[in-house]
């Protein structure tokens, strides 16, 4: 992403049911969606971005999907006779990141 920061909603950040990693994953997916893009990030890319192991990300993704926080869709695509899988991620939980009235941004 072109931005140098990741926005995390305070309400979501204060949620005690989910770990910080789980919250960051949802925030990253929301970031893609706010920019009208699809999140194709692999568990490895999330792990590298957040400085954790791939196994931690895999467990976090499972918990988020099991709790209907995110939706994972995997498709198999044939490319020159070889089957390739790719995954898209969608946040079911979305947060409004608009600025409150009265704040000037320019």
Protein backbone atom coordinates (compact mmCIF):
# COMPACT_ATOMS: atom_id res chain seq x y z
CA UNK A 1 0.00 0.00 0.00
CA UNK A 2 1.17 3.52 -0.63
CA UNK A 3 0.41 4.80 2.86
CA UNK A 4 3.07 4.57 5.52
CA UNK A 5 0.62 3.80 8.32
CA UNK A 6 -2.27 1.48 9.05
CA UNK A 7 -5.51 2.81 10.53
CA UNK A 8 -7.06 0.78 13.33
CA UNK A 9 -10.44 1.82 14.67
CA UNK A 10 -10.32 2.54 18.44
CA UNK A 11 -13.45 0.48 19.07
CA UNK A 12 -11.89 -2.53 17.33
CA UNK A 13 -8.55 -1.92 19.04
CA UNK A 14 -10.17 -2.01 22.50
CA UNK A 15 -11.93 -5.32 21.76
CA UNK A 16 -10.59 -7.91 24.24
CA UNK A 17 -11.84 -11.00 22.37
CA UNK A 18 -9.16 -10.76 19.69
CA UNK A 19 -5.38 -10.50 19.74
CA UNK A 20 -3.45 -7.53 18.43
CA UNK A 21 -2.37 -9.60 15.43
CA UNK A 22 -5.99 -10.44 14.61
CA UNK A 23 -6.91 -6.77 14.85
CA UNK A 24 -4.04 -5.78 12.56
CA UNK A 25 -5.04 -8.37 9.97
CA UNK A 26 -8.59 -6.98 9.87
CA UNK A 27 -7.25 -3.42 9.70
CA UNK A 28 -5.01 -4.39 6.75
CA UNK A 29 -7.91 -6.00 4.89
CA UNK A 30 -10.07 -2.93 5.61
CA UNK A 31 -7.26 -0.76 4.22
CA UNK A 32 -7.39 -2.58 0.89
CA UNK A 33 -11.16 -2.29 0.78
CA UNK A 34 -11.14 1.43 1.59
CA UNK A 35 -8.82 1.87 -1.39
CA UNK A 36 -11.26 -0.19 -3.50
CA UNK A 37 -8.78 -3.05 -3.88
CA UNK A 38 -8.97 -6.75 -3.17
CA UNK A 39 -6.70 -8.24 -0.50
CA UNK A 40 -4.70 -11.15 -1.92
CA UNK A 41 -2.03 -11.15 0.82
CA UNK A 42 -0.71 -14.57 1.76
CA UNK A 43 -0.14 -15.67 5.33
CA UNK A 44 3.60 -15.28 4.66
CA UNK A 45 3.16 -11.64 3.57
CA UNK A 46 1.08 -10.87 6.67
CA UNK A 47 3.72 -12.57 8.83
CA UNK A 48 6.52 -10.52 7.25
CA UNK A 49 4.52 -7.29 7.54
CA UNK A 50 3.73 -7.78 11.23
CA UNK A 51 6.92 -9.53 12.36
CA UNK A 52 5.32 -12.80 13.42
CA UNK A 53 5.42 -16.42 12.23
CA UNK A 54 3.30 -17.78 9.40
CA UNK A 55 1.76 -20.23 11.87
CA UNK A 56 0.56 -17.33 14.07
CA UNK A 57 -1.08 -15.71 11.05
CA UNK A 58 -2.70 -19.01 10.00
CA UNK A 59 -4.19 -19.45 13.49
CA UNK A 60 -5.36 -15.82 13.54
CA UNK A 61 -6.99 -16.16 10.11
CA UNK A 62 -8.83 -19.30 11.24
CA UNK A 63 -10.14 -17.59 14.38
CA UNK A 64 -11.26 -14.52 12.41
CA UNK A 65 -13.03 -16.67 9.82
CA UNK A 66 -14.61 -18.93 12.46
CA UNK A 67 -15.99 -15.82 14.21
CA UNK A 68 -17.33 -14.30 10.96
CA UNK A 69 -14.94 -11.35 11.12
CA UNK A 70 -13.35 -12.11 7.75
CA UNK A 71 -14.28 -14.19 4.75
CA UNK A 72 -11.65 -16.26 2.93
CA UNK A 73 -12.32 -17.33 -0.65
CA UNK A 74 -9.94 -19.67 -2.43
CA UNK A 75 -10.15 -20.27 -6.16
CA UNK A 76 -8.26 -22.66 -8.38
CA UNK A 77 -7.19 -21.23 -11.72
CA UNK A 78 -5.69 -23.14 -14.61
CA UNK A 79 -2.62 -21.47 -16.08
CA UNK A 80 -0.98 -23.25 -19.03
CA UNK A 81 -2.23 -26.62 -17.77
CA UNK A 82 -1.08 -26.02 -14.19
CA UNK A 83 -3.57 -25.45 -11.41
CA UNK A 84 -2.86 -22.48 -9.17
CA UNK A 85 -4.74 -21.50 -6.05
CA UNK A 86 -5.23 -17.96 -4.90
CA UNK A 87 -7.08 -16.55 -1.94
CA UNK A 88 -9.01 -13.35 -1.50
CA UNK A 89 -9.82 -11.89 1.89
CA UNK A 90 -12.82 -9.75 2.72
CA UNK A 91 -13.60 -8.06 6.02
CA UNK A 92 -17.10 -8.72 7.24
CA UNK A 93 -16.47 -6.33 10.14
CA UNK A 94 -15.95 -2.86 8.71
CA UNK A 95 -15.28 0.37 10.51
CA UNK A 96 -15.96 3.96 9.57
CA UNK A 97 -12.66 5.82 9.38
CA UNK A 98 -14.18 9.14 8.37
CA UNK A 99 -13.07 12.16 10.33
CA UNK A 100 -15.45 13.75 12.82
CA UNK A 101 -17.06 17.02 11.82
CA UNK A 102 -14.97 20.09 12.50
CA UNK A 103 -11.60 18.51 11.73
CA UNK A 104 -9.87 20.18 8.80
CA UNK A 105 -7.58 17.94 6.76
CA UNK A 106 -6.07 20.40 4.28
